[in-house]
Amino acid sequence: MADWQLVRTIALALPEVDESGEERTAFRVRGKLFAWAARERDGGGLGIRVEREEKQLILDSNPSVYFSGPHYEGWPGVQIRLEAVGEDELRERLEDAWLIQAPKRLANAFLAERG
């Protein structure tokens, strides 16, 4: 089970990430949003950026963890129920979201460093 402190720890460990927002936390890499606190009216949870062509696969992979409200229809983002996701899976999703939004050189350097 994950919480917002774990989200913050994972997100801020990624290169060049900034955190913003008082009411709704958001994480950006060089100004590009990759993870955020979804609005309660949309179902809440953690919103993350995904590849458009992978969105439905992610949603179908584990409906108890991943969901998408009407506000996300047609947009490459999904929501995560933090109480239902494990730490490793959360880390993987945040890293993937970061890689989607990070500039190519920064993303390639991160991947090369990881081995």
N, C-alpha and C. Protein backbone atom coordinates (compact mmCIF):
# COMPACT_ATOMS: atom_id res chain seq x y z
N MET A 1 0.84 -1.18 0.00
CA MET A 1 0.00 0.00 0.00
C MET A 1 0.88 1.25 0.00
N ALA A 2 0.57 2.18 -0.86
CA ALA A 2 1.35 3.40 -1.01
C ALA A 2 0.61 4.58 -0.37
N ASP A 3 1.34 5.67 -0.19
CA ASP A 3 0.74 6.90 0.30
C ASP A 3 1.42 8.08 -0.40
N TRP A 4 0.98 9.30 -0.08
CA TRP A 4 1.51 10.47 -0.76
C TRP A 4 2.97 10.72 -0.42
N GLN A 5 3.39 10.34 0.78
CA GLN A 5 4.80 10.52 1.12
C GLN A 5 5.69 9.64 0.24
N LEU A 6 5.25 8.42 -0.04
CA LEU A 6 6.00 7.54 -0.93
C LEU A 6 6.01 8.10 -2.35
N VAL A 7 4.87 8.61 -2.82
CA VAL A 7 4.81 9.24 -4.15
C VAL A 7 5.85 10.36 -4.21
N ARG A 8 5.85 11.21 -3.20
CA ARG A 8 6.77 12.35 -3.16
C ARG A 8 8.23 11.87 -3.17
N THR A 9 8.53 10.87 -2.36
CA THR A 9 9.90 10.35 -2.27
C THR A 9 10.37 9.81 -3.62
N ILE A 10 9.53 9.03 -4.27
CA ILE A 10 9.89 8.44 -5.58
C ILE A 10 10.03 9.54 -6.63
N ALA A 11 9.03 10.41 -6.71
CA ALA A 11 9.03 11.45 -7.75
C ALA A 11 10.22 12.39 -7.61
N LEU A 12 10.50 12.83 -6.39
CA LEU A 12 11.58 13.79 -6.19
C LEU A 12 12.97 13.18 -6.34
N ALA A 13 13.05 11.85 -6.36
CA ALA A 13 14.33 11.18 -6.59
C ALA A 13 14.68 11.14 -8.08
N LEU A 14 13.72 11.42 -8.93
CA LEU A 14 13.96 11.45 -10.38
C LEU A 14 14.65 12.76 -10.74
N PRO A 15 15.48 12.76 -11.78
CA PRO A 15 16.23 13.97 -12.15
C PRO A 15 15.34 15.15 -12.53
N GLU A 16 15.73 16.31 -12.04
CA GLU A 16 15.15 17.60 -12.41
C GLU A 16 13.65 17.70 -12.19
N VAL A 17 13.17 17.11 -11.12
CA VAL A 17 11.74 17.16 -10.80
C VAL A 17 11.47 18.30 -9.85
N ASP A 18 10.40 19.04 -10.14
CA ASP A 18 9.91 20.10 -9.26
C ASP A 18 8.53 19.70 -8.75
N GLU A 19 8.28 20.02 -7.50
CA GLU A 19 6.97 19.80 -6.90
C GLU A 19 6.30 21.14 -6.72
N SER A 20 5.02 21.20 -7.00
CA SER A 20 4.28 22.44 -6.83
C SER A 20 2.87 22.12 -6.33
N GLY A 21 2.17 23.17 -5.95
CA GLY A 21 0.78 23.04 -5.55
C GLY A 21 0.59 22.94 -4.06
N GLU A 22 -0.34 23.74 -3.57
CA GLU A 22 -0.69 23.68 -2.16
C GLU A 22 -1.93 22.82 -1.98
N GLU A 23 -2.94 23.06 -2.80
CA GLU A 23 -4.17 22.27 -2.71
C GLU A 23 -4.02 20.91 -3.38
N ARG A 24 -3.38 20.92 -4.55
CA ARG A 24 -3.19 19.68 -5.29
C ARG A 24 -1.73 19.59 -5.71
N THR A 25 -1.06 18.61 -5.19
CA THR A 25 0.35 18.40 -5.50
C THR A 25 0.52 18.02 -6.96
N ALA A 26 1.59 18.53 -7.57
CA ALA A 26 1.92 18.19 -8.95
C ALA A 26 3.43 18.07 -9.08
N PHE A 27 3.86 17.13 -9.92
CA PHE A 27 5.28 16.92 -10.17
C PHE A 27 5.55 17.14 -11.66
N ARG A 28 6.60 17.91 -11.93
CA ARG A 28 6.97 18.24 -13.30
C ARG A 28 8.45 18.00 -13.52
N VAL A 29 8.79 17.65 -14.76
CA VAL A 29 10.18 17.58 -15.18
C VAL A 29 10.35 18.64 -16.26
N ARG A 30 11.22 19.60 -15.97
CA ARG A 30 11.44 20.75 -16.86
C ARG A 30 10.12 21.37 -17.32
N GLY A 31 9.23 21.53 -16.38
CA GLY A 31 7.96 22.20 -16.65
C GLY A 31 6.85 21.32 -17.18
N LYS A 32 7.14 20.07 -17.49
CA LYS A 32 6.12 19.17 -18.05
C LYS A 32 5.55 18.26 -16.97
N LEU A 33 4.25 18.31 -16.82
CA LEU A 33 3.53 17.56 -15.81
C LEU A 33 3.59 16.06 -16.09
N PHE A 34 3.96 15.27 -15.06
CA PHE A 34 3.94 13.82 -15.23
C PHE A 34 3.17 13.09 -14.13
N ALA A 35 2.93 13.73 -13.00
CA ALA A 35 2.15 13.12 -11.92
C ALA A 35 1.50 14.23 -11.09
N TRP A 36 0.30 13.95 -10.57
CA TRP A 36 -0.45 14.98 -9.86
C TRP A 36 -1.51 14.34 -8.97
N ALA A 37 -2.00 15.11 -8.03
CA ALA A 37 -3.12 14.69 -7.20
C ALA A 37 -4.39 14.97 -8.01
N ALA A 38 -5.10 13.92 -8.35
CA ALA A 38 -6.32 14.06 -9.16
C ALA A 38 -7.42 14.68 -8.29
N ARG A 39 -8.28 15.41 -8.92
CA ARG A 39 -9.39 16.06 -8.21
C ARG A 39 -10.35 15.01 -7.68
N GLU A 40 -10.89 15.30 -6.51
CA GLU A 40 -11.87 14.38 -5.89
C GLU A 40 -13.09 14.20 -6.80
N ARG A 41 -13.50 15.26 -7.49
CA ARG A 41 -14.67 15.14 -8.36
C ARG A 41 -14.43 14.14 -9.51
N ASP A 42 -13.16 13.88 -9.79
CA ASP A 42 -12.79 12.93 -10.84
C ASP A 42 -12.46 11.55 -10.27
N GLY A 43 -12.61 11.39 -8.97
CA GLY A 43 -12.34 10.10 -8.34
C GLY A 43 -11.11 10.10 -7.46
N GLY A 44 -10.34 11.21 -7.47
CA GLY A 44 -9.18 11.32 -6.61
C GLY A 44 -8.04 10.42 -7.04
N GLY A 45 -7.17 10.12 -6.10
CA GLY A 45 -6.01 9.29 -6.37
C GLY A 45 -4.87 10.07 -7.01
N LEU A 46 -3.92 9.34 -7.49
CA LEU A 46 -2.76 9.91 -8.17
C LEU A 46 -2.99 9.84 -9.67
N GLY A 47 -2.86 10.96 -10.33
CA GLY A 47 -2.93 10.98 -11.79
C GLY A 47 -1.53 10.89 -12.35
N ILE A 48 -1.36 10.10 -13.41
CA ILE A 48 -0.06 9.99 -14.05
C ILE A 48 -0.21 10.05 -15.57
N ARG A 49 0.81 10.51 -16.22
CA ARG A 49 0.85 10.53 -17.67
C ARG A 49 1.20 9.13 -18.18
N VAL A 50 0.55 8.70 -19.25
CA VAL A 50 0.83 7.41 -19.88
C VAL A 50 0.91 7.60 -21.39
N GLU A 51 1.45 6.61 -22.06
CA GLU A 51 1.43 6.63 -23.52
C GLU A 51 -0.01 6.40 -23.97
N ARG A 52 -0.46 7.19 -24.90
CA ARG A 52 -1.85 7.11 -25.37
C ARG A 52 -2.24 5.68 -25.77
N GLU A 53 -1.33 5.00 -26.49
CA GLU A 53 -1.65 3.65 -26.97
C GLU A 53 -1.60 2.59 -25.87
N GLU A 54 -1.06 2.93 -24.71
CA GLU A 54 -0.98 1.98 -23.60
C GLU A 54 -2.05 2.21 -22.54
N LYS A 55 -2.78 3.30 -22.66
CA LYS A 55 -3.75 3.67 -21.62
C LYS A 55 -4.74 2.54 -21.32
N GLN A 56 -5.39 2.03 -22.33
CA GLN A 56 -6.40 1.00 -22.10
C GLN A 56 -5.77 -0.29 -21.55
N LEU A 57 -4.58 -0.62 -22.00
CA LEU A 57 -3.89 -1.81 -21.47
C LEU A 57 -3.62 -1.65 -19.98
N ILE A 58 -3.20 -0.47 -19.57
CA ILE A 58 -2.94 -0.20 -18.16
C ILE A 58 -4.24 -0.30 -17.37
N LEU A 59 -5.29 0.33 -17.86
CA LEU A 59 -6.58 0.28 -17.17
C LEU A 59 -7.09 -1.15 -17.03
N ASP A 60 -6.93 -1.94 -18.08
CA ASP A 60 -7.41 -3.33 -18.06
C ASP A 60 -6.53 -4.24 -17.23
N SER A 61 -5.27 -3.86 -17.03
CA SER A 61 -4.32 -4.74 -16.34
C SER A 61 -4.68 -4.97 -14.88
N ASN A 62 -5.27 -3.98 -14.24
CA ASN A 62 -5.62 -4.13 -12.83
C ASN A 62 -6.64 -3.06 -12.45
N PRO A 63 -7.93 -3.30 -12.71
CA PRO A 63 -8.97 -2.31 -12.44
C PRO A 63 -9.10 -1.92 -10.96
N SER A 64 -8.57 -2.73 -10.07
CA SER A 64 -8.63 -2.35 -8.65
C SER A 64 -7.59 -1.27 -8.32
N VAL A 65 -6.59 -1.11 -9.19
CA VAL A 65 -5.54 -0.11 -9.00
C VAL A 65 -5.74 1.08 -9.93
N TYR A 66 -5.99 0.82 -11.20
CA TYR A 66 -6.04 1.87 -12.23
C TYR A 66 -7.46 2.17 -12.64
N PHE A 67 -7.75 3.46 -12.81
CA PHE A 67 -9.07 3.87 -13.28
C PHE A 67 -8.93 5.20 -14.01
N SER A 68 -10.01 5.60 -14.65
CA SER A 68 -10.00 6.84 -15.41
C SER A 68 -11.41 7.41 -15.41
N GLY A 69 -11.55 8.63 -14.93
CA GLY A 69 -12.85 9.29 -14.91
C GLY A 69 -13.13 9.97 -16.23
N PRO A 70 -14.34 10.51 -16.37
CA PRO A 70 -14.74 11.17 -17.61
C PRO A 70 -13.80 12.33 -18.01
N HIS A 71 -13.22 13.00 -17.03
CA HIS A 71 -12.32 14.12 -17.30
C HIS A 71 -11.07 13.67 -18.06
N TYR A 72 -10.72 12.38 -17.94
CA TYR A 72 -9.51 11.84 -18.57
C TYR A 72 -9.79 11.19 -19.93
N GLU A 73 -11.04 11.18 -20.33
CA GLU A 73 -11.40 10.55 -21.60
C GLU A 73 -10.71 11.26 -22.77
N GLY A 74 -10.04 10.46 -23.60
CA GLY A 74 -9.35 11.00 -24.75
C GLY A 74 -8.01 11.65 -24.43
N TRP A 75 -7.57 11.54 -23.18
CA TRP A 75 -6.32 12.17 -22.76
C TRP A 75 -5.39 11.10 -22.22
N PRO A 76 -4.09 11.18 -22.46
CA PRO A 76 -3.16 10.13 -22.04
C PRO A 76 -2.78 10.19 -20.55
N GLY A 77 -3.76 9.93 -19.72
CA GLY A 77 -3.53 9.89 -18.28
C GLY A 77 -4.45 8.88 -17.63
N VAL A 78 -3.99 8.29 -16.54
CA VAL A 78 -4.81 7.39 -15.74
C VAL A 78 -4.66 7.79 -14.28
N GLN A 79 -5.56 7.27 -13.47
CA GLN A 79 -5.51 7.50 -12.04
C GLN A 79 -5.16 6.20 -11.33
N ILE A 80 -4.50 6.36 -10.19
CA ILE A 80 -4.06 5.22 -9.40
C ILE A 80 -4.63 5.33 -8.00
N ARG A 81 -5.23 4.24 -7.52
CA ARG A 81 -5.67 4.17 -6.13
C ARG A 81 -4.44 3.82 -5.28
N LEU A 82 -3.95 4.79 -4.53
CA LEU A 82 -2.72 4.58 -3.77
C LEU A 82 -2.85 3.46 -2.75
N GLU A 83 -4.04 3.30 -2.19
CA GLU A 83 -4.23 2.25 -1.18
C GLU A 83 -4.18 0.85 -1.78
N ALA A 84 -4.21 0.76 -3.11
CA ALA A 84 -4.24 -0.55 -3.77
C ALA A 84 -2.97 -0.89 -4.54
N VAL A 85 -2.04 0.06 -4.66
CA VAL A 85 -0.84 -0.18 -5.47
C VAL A 85 0.36 -0.47 -4.56
N GLY A 86 1.21 -1.37 -5.01
CA GLY A 86 2.43 -1.68 -4.28
C GLY A 86 3.54 -0.70 -4.63
N GLU A 87 4.57 -0.67 -3.80
CA GLU A 87 5.67 0.28 -3.98
C GLU A 87 6.40 0.07 -5.30
N ASP A 88 6.71 -1.16 -5.67
CA ASP A 88 7.44 -1.41 -6.91
C ASP A 88 6.64 -0.98 -8.14
N GLU A 89 5.36 -1.29 -8.13
CA GLU A 89 4.51 -0.91 -9.26
C GLU A 89 4.36 0.61 -9.34
N LEU A 90 4.21 1.26 -8.20
CA LEU A 90 4.12 2.72 -8.16
C LEU A 90 5.40 3.34 -8.72
N ARG A 91 6.54 2.83 -8.29
CA ARG A 91 7.83 3.34 -8.77
C ARG A 91 7.92 3.19 -10.30
N GLU A 92 7.53 2.04 -10.80
CA GLU A 92 7.56 1.80 -12.25
C GLU A 92 6.66 2.78 -13.00
N ARG A 93 5.47 3.00 -12.50
CA ARG A 93 4.53 3.92 -13.17
C ARG A 93 5.03 5.36 -13.13
N LEU A 94 5.58 5.78 -12.00
CA LEU A 94 6.11 7.14 -11.91
C LEU A 94 7.31 7.33 -12.81
N GLU A 95 8.19 6.34 -12.86
CA GLU A 95 9.35 6.43 -13.76
C GLU A 95 8.90 6.48 -15.21
N ASP A 96 7.93 5.64 -15.58
CA ASP A 96 7.43 5.66 -16.95
C ASP A 96 6.81 7.02 -17.30
N ALA A 97 6.03 7.57 -16.38
CA ALA A 97 5.41 8.88 -16.61
C ALA A 97 6.48 9.95 -16.77
N TRP A 98 7.51 9.87 -15.93
CA TRP A 98 8.62 10.82 -16.02
C TRP A 98 9.32 10.69 -17.37
N LEU A 99 9.59 9.46 -17.81
CA LEU A 99 10.27 9.23 -19.09
C LEU A 99 9.47 9.78 -20.27
N ILE A 100 8.16 9.71 -20.20
CA ILE A 100 7.31 10.24 -21.27
C ILE A 100 7.50 11.75 -21.40
N GLN A 101 7.63 12.42 -20.28
CA GLN A 101 7.68 13.88 -20.30
C GLN A 101 9.10 14.47 -20.31
N ALA A 102 10.07 13.71 -19.89
CA ALA A 102 11.44 14.23 -19.83
C ALA A 102 12.01 14.43 -21.23
N PRO A 103 12.86 15.45 -21.40
CA PRO A 103 13.55 15.61 -22.68
C PRO A 103 14.36 14.34 -22.99
N LYS A 104 14.52 14.04 -24.26
CA LYS A 104 15.18 12.79 -24.67
C LYS A 104 16.58 12.62 -24.07
N ARG A 105 17.38 13.65 -24.09
CA ARG A 105 18.75 13.53 -23.55
C ARG A 105 18.73 13.21 -22.06
N LEU A 106 17.86 13.87 -21.33
CA LEU A 106 17.76 13.62 -19.90
C LEU A 106 17.26 12.20 -19.63
N ALA A 107 16.25 11.78 -20.39
CA ALA A 107 15.71 10.42 -20.24
C ALA A 107 16.77 9.38 -20.59
N ASN A 108 17.51 9.59 -21.68
CA ASN A 108 18.54 8.65 -22.08
C ASN A 108 19.66 8.57 -21.05
N ALA A 109 20.04 9.70 -20.47
CA ALA A 109 21.07 9.71 -19.44
C ALA A 109 20.59 8.96 -18.21
N PHE A 110 19.35 9.13 -17.84
CA PHE A 110 18.77 8.42 -16.69
C PHE A 110 18.78 6.91 -16.94
N LEU A 111 18.35 6.50 -18.13
CA LEU A 111 18.31 5.08 -18.46
C LEU A 111 19.73 4.48 -18.51
N ALA A 112 20.67 5.22 -19.05
CA ALA A 112 22.06 4.73 -19.13
C ALA A 112 22.66 4.59 -17.73
N GLU A 113 22.34 5.49 -16.85
CA GLU A 113 22.84 5.46 -15.48
C GLU A 113 22.30 4.25 -14.71
N ARG A 114 21.09 3.89 -15.02
CA ARG A 114 20.44 2.74 -14.35
C ARG A 114 21.01 1.43 -14.84
N GLY A 115 21.60 1.45 -16.01
CA GLY A 115 22.21 0.24 -16.56
C GLY A 115 21.31 -0.52 -17.36
